[in-house]
Amino acid sequence: MEGEITKTLIESQYPLWKIILLFILIQLIIILCSEWIKKLIEKQAISGITNKIKDIETKFINQTEVLKSQLSLLTNVKSEIYSTERNAIINSNEKLYQWLSHIMRLPTLDDNDDIDRYIKKMDDLYQEEQSSEALLELFIDDKSIIDNIHKISGYIYNLHIKKQIILFKLKKQNSNPELSESSLKELEDNTRDKLSKLIDKYEEISPLVHELRLDFKNYIYSKCLNMKPEA
């Protein structure tokens, strides 16, 4: 095309310098147009790349936020599970102690009403302790701890039953109008002696209770140390 324009100009009657000047002008226009088109194409390409980068950054940020949310939820769930485990251990230890502590006490032996209250509370504490054991088994995966608390509660329940039998017999005798005051006094002393012998059994249980409490303590501490925050 340039050749045709040049040929036309040469064949025309214009002076040669005007033709050369016009030719240079046309070349400059072509060069400037080419550079403008090139920059426009580069600008559009850069804009497209920038938009793609922004899209990738946005997706990455969104995915990061979702991941953070999921990790936060997981951490909260783990923390709640640990808290429930700890509370189950504390509750079980407390109920075991309350039950055993009550059994170590004595009611007023010549007062059947007090004996009834004592037996009822002993039964209530036993039920609470059994419920705490059931809760403990749901959350604690340490077999030795579960076996130990079953073993200890079995020992205590044996004292529980023996003590109830002795107290029921005492109640029956207390209600017997034919017994003299001296006979009732003798019966009370004999009952007290039997109950005291049962209380002495605590010496056999005490080391097991102490060991169980150490197991509880170590379990809580080990779980606490393993509760690392998610990165």
Protein backbone atom coordinates (compact mmCIF):
# COMPACT_ATOMS: atom_id res chain seq x y z
CA MET A 1 0.00 0.00 0.00
CA GLU A 2 2.85 2.35 0.87
CA GLY A 3 4.41 1.55 -2.52
CA GLU A 4 1.26 2.56 -4.33
CA ILE A 5 1.03 5.81 -2.38
CA THR A 6 4.69 6.55 -3.08
CA LYS A 7 4.28 5.77 -6.84
CA THR A 8 1.24 8.00 -7.04
CA LEU A 9 3.05 10.88 -5.35
CA ILE A 10 6.09 10.54 -7.59
CA GLU A 11 3.96 10.52 -10.71
CA SER A 12 2.15 13.65 -9.49
CA GLN A 13 3.43 17.18 -10.17
CA TYR A 14 4.38 17.88 -6.48
CA PRO A 15 7.99 18.88 -5.75
CA LEU A 16 10.23 16.08 -4.56
CA TRP A 17 10.87 17.62 -1.12
CA LYS A 18 7.14 17.79 -0.44
CA ILE A 19 6.78 14.17 -1.43
CA ILE A 20 9.65 13.15 0.88
CA LEU A 21 8.19 15.21 3.73
CA LEU A 22 4.77 13.68 3.23
CA PHE A 23 6.32 10.21 3.10
CA ILE A 24 8.16 10.82 6.40
CA LEU A 25 4.94 12.12 7.96
CA ILE A 26 3.04 9.03 6.88
CA GLN A 27 5.76 6.79 8.34
CA LEU A 28 5.61 8.66 11.66
CA ILE A 29 1.82 8.31 11.77
CA ILE A 30 2.14 4.58 11.09
CA ILE A 31 4.81 4.20 13.82
CA LEU A 32 2.78 6.19 16.36
CA CYS A 33 -0.38 4.25 15.58
CA SER A 34 1.51 0.98 15.93
CA GLU A 35 2.95 2.03 19.32
CA TRP A 36 -0.48 3.19 20.53
CA ILE A 37 -2.11 -0.06 19.44
CA LYS A 38 0.71 -2.05 21.03
CA LYS A 39 0.39 -0.16 24.35
CA LEU A 40 -3.37 -0.55 24.26
CA ILE A 41 -3.03 -4.31 23.77
CA GLU A 42 -0.41 -4.51 26.56
CA LYS A 43 -2.65 -2.44 28.87
CA GLN A 44 -5.61 -4.71 28.24
CA ALA A 45 -3.42 -7.79 28.77
CA ILE A 46 -2.03 -6.37 32.03
CA SER A 47 -5.54 -5.46 33.16
CA GLY A 48 -6.72 -9.01 32.42
CA ILE A 49 -3.79 -10.52 34.34
CA THR A 50 -4.37 -8.12 37.25
CA ASN A 51 -8.05 -9.07 37.40
CA LYS A 52 -7.13 -12.76 37.38
CA ILE A 53 -4.62 -12.20 40.18
CA LYS A 54 -7.26 -10.31 42.19
CA ASP A 55 -9.74 -13.14 41.61
CA ILE A 56 -7.17 -15.68 42.82
CA GLU A 57 -6.36 -13.53 45.88
CA THR A 58 -10.07 -13.17 46.70
CA LYS A 59 -10.63 -16.94 46.41
CA PHE A 60 -7.54 -17.61 48.54
CA ILE A 61 -8.68 -15.16 51.22
CA ASN A 62 -12.18 -16.67 51.24
CA GLN A 63 -10.81 -20.21 51.49
CA THR A 64 -8.43 -19.11 54.26
CA GLU A 65 -11.31 -17.58 56.24
CA VAL A 66 -13.37 -20.76 55.82
CA LEU A 67 -10.40 -22.84 56.99
CA LYS A 68 -9.86 -20.56 59.99
CA SER A 69 -13.54 -20.85 60.86
CA GLN A 70 -13.41 -24.64 60.63
CA LEU A 71 -10.24 -24.81 62.75
CA SER A 72 -11.79 -22.47 65.32
CA LEU A 73 -14.91 -24.64 65.47
CA LEU A 74 -12.77 -27.78 65.85
CA THR A 75 -10.77 -26.16 68.65
CA ASN A 76 -13.96 -25.12 70.44
CA VAL A 77 -15.40 -28.63 70.14
CA LYS A 78 -12.18 -30.15 71.50
CA SER A 79 -12.18 -27.63 74.34
CA GLU A 80 -15.81 -28.44 75.22
CA ILE A 81 -15.10 -32.18 75.16
CA TYR A 82 -12.08 -31.68 77.43
CA SER A 83 -14.16 -29.51 79.77
CA THR A 84 -16.88 -32.19 79.91
CA GLU A 85 -14.27 -34.88 80.63
CA ARG A 86 -12.77 -32.80 83.41
CA ASN A 87 -16.18 -32.08 84.96
CA ALA A 88 -17.08 -35.78 84.77
CA ILE A 89 -13.87 -36.64 86.66
CA ILE A 90 -14.40 -33.93 89.28
CA ASN A 91 -18.04 -34.95 89.75
CA SER A 92 -17.16 -38.64 90.06
CA ASN A 93 -14.43 -37.94 92.63
CA GLU A 94 -16.78 -35.70 94.60
CA LYS A 95 -19.67 -38.19 94.65
CA LEU A 96 -17.38 -41.06 95.63
CA TYR A 97 -15.96 -39.02 98.51
CA GLN A 98 -19.41 -37.89 99.74
CA TRP A 99 -20.75 -41.44 99.69
CA LEU A 100 -17.73 -42.90 101.50
CA SER A 101 -17.59 -40.02 103.98
CA HIS A 102 -21.24 -40.53 104.91
CA ILE A 103 -20.74 -44.27 105.43
CA MET A 104 -17.86 -43.49 107.81
CA ARG A 105 -20.26 -41.51 110.01
CA LEU A 106 -22.68 -42.97 112.57
CA PRO A 107 -26.31 -42.00 113.11
CA THR A 108 -27.86 -41.59 116.55
CA LEU A 109 -28.27 -45.26 117.37
CA ASP A 110 -31.21 -44.90 119.75
CA ASP A 111 -33.16 -42.66 117.35
CA ASN A 112 -34.95 -44.58 114.61
CA ASP A 113 -35.88 -41.39 112.78
CA ASP A 114 -32.24 -40.39 112.55
CA ILE A 115 -31.35 -43.91 111.42
CA ASP A 116 -33.98 -43.64 108.66
CA ARG A 117 -32.59 -40.31 107.53
CA TYR A 118 -29.08 -41.71 107.59
CA ILE A 119 -30.02 -44.77 105.50
CA LYS A 120 -31.98 -42.66 103.00
CA LYS A 121 -29.07 -40.28 102.51
CA MET A 122 -26.69 -43.21 102.15
CA ASP A 123 -28.92 -44.67 99.41
CA ASP A 124 -29.24 -41.28 97.70
CA LEU A 125 -25.47 -40.80 97.68
CA TYR A 126 -25.02 -44.28 96.26
CA GLN A 127 -27.38 -43.47 93.38
CA GLU A 128 -25.58 -40.21 92.71
CA GLU A 129 -22.23 -41.98 92.72
CA GLN A 130 -23.47 -44.62 90.28
CA SER A 131 -24.77 -41.89 87.96
CA SER A 132 -21.40 -40.13 88.09
CA GLU A 133 -19.68 -43.42 87.17
CA ALA A 134 -21.98 -43.86 84.18
CA LEU A 135 -21.15 -40.33 83.01
CA LEU A 136 -17.47 -40.98 83.53
CA GLU A 137 -17.57 -44.06 81.31
CA LEU A 138 -19.03 -41.97 78.46
CA PHE A 139 -16.06 -39.60 78.33
CA ILE A 140 -13.03 -41.31 79.85
CA ASP A 141 -11.21 -43.80 77.61
CA ASP A 142 -8.71 -44.90 80.27
CA LYS A 143 -9.61 -48.50 81.14
CA SER A 144 -7.46 -48.58 84.30
CA ILE A 145 -9.32 -45.58 85.77
CA ILE A 146 -12.72 -47.11 85.00
CA ASP A 147 -11.66 -50.48 86.45
CA ASN A 148 -10.29 -48.83 89.60
CA ILE A 149 -13.41 -46.80 90.31
CA HIS A 150 -15.58 -49.88 89.79
CA LYS A 151 -13.36 -51.80 92.21
CA ILE A 152 -13.49 -49.05 94.86
CA SER A 153 -17.24 -48.51 94.54
CA GLY A 154 -17.66 -52.26 94.91
CA TYR A 155 -15.74 -52.21 98.21
CA ILE A 156 -17.76 -49.24 99.46
CA TYR A 157 -21.05 -50.81 98.41
CA ASN A 158 -20.14 -53.90 100.44
CA LEU A 159 -19.75 -51.66 103.52
CA HIS A 160 -22.97 -49.89 102.54
CA ILE A 161 -25.02 -53.11 102.56
CA LYS A 162 -23.48 -54.48 105.76
CA LYS A 163 -24.11 -51.22 107.54
CA GLN A 164 -27.72 -51.10 106.37
CA ILE A 165 -28.36 -54.62 107.65
CA ILE A 166 -26.92 -53.75 111.06
CA LEU A 167 -28.99 -50.55 111.26
CA PHE A 168 -32.21 -52.25 110.16
CA LYS A 169 -31.75 -54.84 112.91
CA LEU A 170 -31.08 -52.07 115.41
CA LYS A 171 -34.23 -50.23 114.34
CA LYS A 172 -36.27 -53.37 114.89
CA GLN A 173 -34.82 -53.85 118.36
CA ASN A 174 -35.31 -50.19 119.23
CA SER A 175 -38.98 -50.60 118.44
CA ASN A 176 -39.35 -53.63 120.72
CA PRO A 177 -41.20 -52.44 123.87
CA GLU A 178 -40.26 -55.60 125.78
CA LEU A 179 -36.56 -54.75 125.87
CA SER A 180 -35.34 -53.10 129.03
CA GLU A 181 -33.25 -49.98 129.06
CA SER A 182 -30.15 -51.92 129.97
CA SER A 183 -30.77 -54.39 127.13
CA LEU A 184 -31.17 -51.51 124.67
CA LYS A 185 -27.96 -49.98 125.96
CA GLU A 186 -26.13 -53.26 125.51
CA LEU A 187 -27.59 -53.63 122.01
CA GLU A 188 -26.48 -50.12 121.13
CA ASP A 189 -22.96 -50.81 122.34
CA ASN A 190 -22.76 -54.04 120.36
CA THR A 191 -24.06 -52.27 117.26
CA ARG A 192 -21.56 -49.47 117.71
CA ASP A 193 -18.78 -52.05 117.97
CA LYS A 194 -19.89 -53.75 114.75
CA LEU A 195 -20.14 -50.44 112.92
CA SER A 196 -16.72 -49.41 114.18
CA LYS A 197 -15.24 -52.59 112.77
CA LEU A 198 -16.81 -51.75 109.42
CA ILE A 199 -15.32 -48.27 109.57
CA ASP A 200 -11.91 -49.84 110.13
CA LYS A 201 -12.29 -51.34 106.66
CA TYR A 202 -11.63 -47.85 105.36
CA GLU A 203 -7.93 -48.50 105.91
CA GLU A 204 -8.12 -51.10 103.15
CA ILE A 205 -9.91 -48.77 100.77
CA SER A 206 -7.97 -45.59 101.51
CA PRO A 207 -4.84 -46.44 99.41
CA LEU A 208 -7.06 -47.35 96.45
CA VAL A 209 -8.95 -44.06 96.77
CA HIS A 210 -5.67 -42.13 96.92
CA GLU A 211 -4.36 -43.96 93.84
CA LEU A 212 -7.58 -43.23 91.96
CA ARG A 213 -7.33 -39.52 92.73
CA LEU A 214 -3.76 -39.47 91.41
CA ASP A 215 -4.98 -41.18 88.24
CA PHE A 216 -7.72 -38.57 87.90
CA LYS A 217 -5.20 -35.76 88.39
CA ASN A 218 -2.72 -37.18 85.86
CA TYR A 219 -5.47 -37.76 83.32
CA ILE A 220 -6.66 -34.15 83.57
CA TYR A 221 -3.09 -32.79 83.32
CA SER A 222 -2.21 -35.00 80.35
CA LYS A 223 -5.35 -33.91 78.50
CA CYS A 224 -4.61 -30.27 79.30
CA LEU A 225 -1.08 -30.52 77.91
CA ASN A 226 -2.40 -32.09 74.71
CA MET A 227 -4.87 -29.25 74.15
CA LYS A 228 -2.65 -27.34 71.72
CA PRO A 229 -4.21 -24.44 69.78
CA GLU A 230 -4.56 -25.04 66.09
CA ALA A 231 -2.05 -23.15 63.91
